[in-house]
């Protein structure tokens, strides 16, 4: 672990929508490190056809009240970004599909294709 990058982590939730993790920077003795800002990380779950997808996102805020107020807008941006990433992954996966050429298909059916599987 990097002793210069330690954080004390607290979980804050309304038990309905999601949660906010408050990351308070500390030194290697556990004392508050005033040279670094407190970070607020939102967490939410989105239902997809393949199940629940957890999403984590940084909330630009200096206080817990600001983080709570900024949770919704930050979550919306994170969900939209995640949806775009999923679409791009689907597009890339679809472009990697390999369709055998006619000669290869003939070989699979027992024909005399180049190096195909010969069926009796």
C-alpha atoms as a PDB file:
ATOM      1  CA  UNK A   1       0.000   0.000   0.000  1.00  0.00           C
ATOM      2  CA  UNK A   2       1.086   3.548  -0.718  1.00  0.00           C
ATOM      3  CA  UNK A   3       1.364   5.349   2.662  1.00  0.00           C
ATOM      4  CA  UNK A   4       1.029   8.730   0.902  1.00  0.00           C
ATOM      5  CA  UNK A   5      -2.356   7.802  -0.623  1.00  0.00           C
ATOM      6  CA  UNK A   6      -4.360   6.541   2.345  1.00  0.00           C
ATOM      7  CA  UNK A   7      -8.044   7.358   2.851  1.00  0.00           C
ATOM      8  CA  UNK A   8     -10.525   6.692   5.629  1.00  0.00           C
ATOM      9  CA  UNK A   9     -13.706   5.405   3.978  1.00  0.00           C
ATOM     10  CA  UNK A  10     -17.224   6.026   5.290  1.00  0.00           C
ATOM     11  CA  UNK A  11     -20.481   4.815   3.729  1.00  0.00           C
ATOM     12  CA  UNK A  12     -23.520   7.103   3.761  1.00  0.00           C
ATOM     13  CA  UNK A  13     -26.878   5.908   2.431  1.00  0.00           C
ATOM     14  CA  UNK A  14     -30.563   6.757   2.401  1.00  0.00           C
ATOM     15  CA  UNK A  15     -31.254   2.986   2.061  1.00  0.00           C
ATOM     16  CA  UNK A  16     -33.386   3.623  -1.050  1.00  0.00           C
ATOM     17  CA  UNK A  17     -31.557   5.092  -4.011  1.00  0.00           C
ATOM     18  CA  UNK A  18     -27.874   4.454  -3.513  1.00  0.00           C
ATOM     19  CA  UNK A  19     -24.930   5.359  -1.381  1.00  0.00           C
ATOM     20  CA  UNK A  20     -22.109   7.844  -1.137  1.00  0.00           C
ATOM     21  CA  UNK A  21     -18.626   6.895  -0.005  1.00  0.00           C
ATOM     22  CA  UNK A  22     -16.766   9.713   1.720  1.00  0.00           C
ATOM     23  CA  UNK A  23     -13.017   9.239   1.362  1.00  0.00           C
ATOM     24  CA  UNK A  24     -11.134  11.347   3.882  1.00  0.00           C
ATOM     25  CA  UNK A  25      -7.380  11.537   3.260  1.00  0.00           C
ATOM     26  CA  UNK A  26      -5.254  10.428   6.196  1.00  0.00           C
ATOM     27  CA  UNK A  27      -1.543  10.029   6.829  1.00  0.00           C
ATOM     28  CA  UNK A  28       0.101   6.767   7.822  1.00  0.00           C
ATOM     29  CA  UNK A  29      -0.749   7.486  11.493  1.00  0.00           C
ATOM     30  CA  UNK A  30      -4.452   7.813  10.669  1.00  0.00           C
ATOM     31  CA  UNK A  31      -4.564  11.584  11.188  1.00  0.00           C
ATOM     32  CA  UNK A  32      -6.448  13.810   8.690  1.00  0.00           C
ATOM     33  CA  UNK A  33      -4.189  14.894   5.822  1.00  0.00           C
ATOM     34  CA  UNK A  34      -5.237  18.509   5.189  1.00  0.00           C
ATOM     35  CA  UNK A  35      -3.105  18.770   2.032  1.00  0.00           C
ATOM     36  CA  UNK A  36      -5.554  16.568   0.072  1.00  0.00           C
ATOM     37  CA  UNK A  37      -9.303  17.057  -0.497  1.00  0.00           C
ATOM     38  CA  UNK A  38     -12.071  14.815   0.778  1.00  0.00           C
ATOM     39  CA  UNK A  39     -13.534  12.768  -2.105  1.00  0.00           C
ATOM     40  CA  UNK A  40     -17.167  11.763  -2.565  1.00  0.00           C
ATOM     41  CA  UNK A  41     -17.925   8.652  -4.635  1.00  0.00           C
ATOM     42  CA  UNK A  42     -21.509   7.815  -5.531  1.00  0.00           C
ATOM     43  CA  UNK A  43     -22.676   4.255  -6.029  1.00  0.00           C
ATOM     44  CA  UNK A  44     -25.815   3.081  -7.782  1.00  0.00           C
ATOM     45  CA  UNK A  45     -27.146  -0.073  -9.415  1.00  0.00           C
ATOM     46  CA  UNK A  46     -28.763  -0.170 -12.834  1.00  0.00           C
ATOM     47  CA  UNK A  47     -30.942  -3.033 -14.009  1.00  0.00           C
ATOM     48  CA  UNK A  48     -29.921  -4.446 -17.389  1.00  0.00           C
ATOM     49  CA  UNK A  49     -31.190  -7.449 -19.368  1.00  0.00           C
ATOM     50  CA  UNK A  50     -28.177  -9.355 -18.013  1.00  0.00           C
ATOM     51  CA  UNK A  51     -28.769  -8.379 -14.366  1.00  0.00           C
ATOM     52  CA  UNK A  52     -27.757  -5.625 -11.992  1.00  0.00           C
ATOM     53  CA  UNK A  53     -24.827  -3.442 -13.027  1.00  0.00           C
ATOM     54  CA  UNK A  54     -23.093  -1.528 -10.211  1.00  0.00           C
ATOM     55  CA  UNK A  55     -21.886   1.934 -11.163  1.00  0.00           C
ATOM     56  CA  UNK A  56     -19.455   4.116  -9.191  1.00  0.00           C
ATOM     57  CA  UNK A  57     -18.878   7.788  -9.982  1.00  0.00           C
ATOM     58  CA  UNK A  58     -17.116  10.753  -8.453  1.00  0.00           C
ATOM     59  CA  UNK A  59     -19.319  13.563  -7.181  1.00  0.00           C
ATOM     60  CA  UNK A  60     -17.715  16.997  -7.373  1.00  0.00           C
ATOM     61  CA  UNK A  61     -18.362  18.386  -3.884  1.00  0.00           C
ATOM     62  CA  UNK A  62     -16.613  19.886  -0.889  1.00  0.00           C
ATOM     63  CA  UNK A  63     -19.224  18.945   1.725  1.00  0.00           C
ATOM     64  CA  UNK A  64     -21.585  16.062   2.319  1.00  0.00           C
ATOM     65  CA  UNK A  65     -24.567  18.368   1.664  1.00  0.00           C
ATOM     66  CA  UNK A  66     -23.121  19.269  -1.747  1.00  0.00           C
ATOM     67  CA  UNK A  67     -22.484  15.574  -2.469  1.00  0.00           C
ATOM     68  CA  UNK A  68     -26.079  14.662  -1.611  1.00  0.00           C
ATOM     69  CA  UNK A  69     -27.391  17.468  -3.829  1.00  0.00           C
ATOM     70  CA  UNK A  70     -25.015  16.465  -6.647  1.00  0.00           C
ATOM     71  CA  UNK A  71     -25.716  12.724  -6.429  1.00  0.00           C
ATOM     72  CA  UNK A  72     -28.578  12.692  -8.975  1.00  0.00           C
ATOM     73  CA  UNK A  73     -26.876  14.711 -11.714  1.00  0.00           C
ATOM     74  CA  UNK A  74     -23.577  12.824 -11.278  1.00  0.00           C
ATOM     75  CA  UNK A  75     -25.419   9.478 -11.365  1.00  0.00           C
ATOM     76  CA  UNK A  76     -27.242  10.486 -14.560  1.00  0.00           C
ATOM     77  CA  UNK A  77     -23.967  11.355 -16.303  1.00  0.00           C
ATOM     78  CA  UNK A  78     -22.376   8.091 -15.115  1.00  0.00           C
ATOM     79  CA  UNK A  79     -25.350   6.030 -16.325  1.00  0.00           C
ATOM     80  CA  UNK A  80     -25.285   7.725 -19.738  1.00  0.00           C
ATOM     81  CA  UNK A  81     -21.518   7.176 -20.022  1.00  0.00           C
ATOM     82  CA  UNK A  82     -21.941   3.525 -19.062  1.00  0.00           C
ATOM     83  CA  UNK A  83     -24.717   3.056 -21.646  1.00  0.00           C
ATOM     84  CA  UNK A  84     -22.451   4.523 -24.352  1.00  0.00           C
ATOM     85  CA  UNK A  85     -19.598   2.220 -23.293  1.00  0.00           C
ATOM     86  CA  UNK A  86     -21.906  -0.823 -23.411  1.00  0.00           C
ATOM     87  CA  UNK A  87     -23.103   0.150 -26.907  1.00  0.00           C
ATOM     88  CA  UNK A  88     -19.490   0.503 -28.066  1.00  0.00           C
ATOM     89  CA  UNK A  89     -18.604  -2.898 -26.586  1.00  0.00           C
ATOM     90  CA  UNK A  90     -21.584  -4.470 -28.380  1.00  0.00           C
ATOM     91  CA  UNK A  91     -20.548  -2.814 -31.631  1.00  0.00           C
ATOM     92  CA  UNK A  92     -16.978  -4.067 -31.290  1.00  0.00           C
ATOM     93  CA  UNK A  93     -18.155  -7.575 -30.421  1.00  0.00           C
ATOM     94  CA  UNK A  94     -20.471  -7.635 -33.443  1.00  0.00           C
ATOM     95  CA  UNK A  95     -17.673  -6.519 -35.766  1.00  0.00           C
ATOM     96  CA  UNK A  96     -15.544  -9.453 -34.600  1.00  0.00           C
ATOM     97  CA  UNK A  97     -18.002 -12.092 -35.807  1.00  0.00           C
ATOM     98  CA  UNK A  98     -16.385 -14.315 -38.407  1.00  0.00           C
ATOM     99  CA  UNK A  99     -18.579 -15.751 -41.147  1.00  0.00           C
ATOM    100  CA  UNK A 100     -16.991 -18.692 -43.009  1.00  0.00           C
ATOM    101  CA  UNK A 101     -16.592 -18.320 -46.755  1.00  0.00           C
ATOM    102  CA  UNK A 102     -18.397 -20.655 -49.187  1.00  0.00           C
ATOM    103  CA  UNK A 103     -15.385 -22.981 -49.550  1.00  0.00           C
ATOM    104  CA  UNK A 104     -15.091 -23.431 -45.816  1.00  0.00           C
ATOM    105  CA  UNK A 105     -18.823 -24.097 -45.478  1.00  0.00           C
ATOM    106  CA  UNK A 106     -18.620 -26.721 -48.228  1.00  0.00           C
ATOM    107  CA  UNK A 107     -15.805 -28.428 -46.331  1.00  0.00           C
ATOM    108  CA  UNK A 108     -17.953 -28.616 -43.209  1.00  0.00           C
ATOM    109  CA  UNK A 109     -20.716 -30.345 -45.185  1.00  0.00           C
ATOM    110  CA  UNK A 110     -18.431 -33.063 -46.420  1.00  0.00           C
ATOM    111  CA  UNK A 111     -17.376 -31.390 -49.649  1.00  0.00           C
ATOM    112  CA  UNK A 112     -13.834 -31.092 -50.935  1.00  0.00           C
ATOM    113  CA  UNK A 113     -13.214 -27.603 -49.463  1.00  0.00           C
ATOM    114  CA  UNK A 114      -9.753 -26.505 -48.461  1.00  0.00           C
ATOM    115  CA  UNK A 115      -8.888 -28.218 -45.175  1.00  0.00           C
ATOM    116  CA  UNK A 116     -12.514 -28.635 -44.104  1.00  0.00           C
ATOM    117  CA  UNK A 117     -13.848 -31.408 -41.933  1.00  0.00           C
ATOM    118  CA  UNK A 118     -14.704 -34.488 -43.987  1.00  0.00           C
ATOM    119  CA  UNK A 119     -17.896 -36.241 -42.941  1.00  0.00           C
ATOM    120  CA  UNK A 120     -18.448 -39.867 -44.017  1.00  0.00           C
END
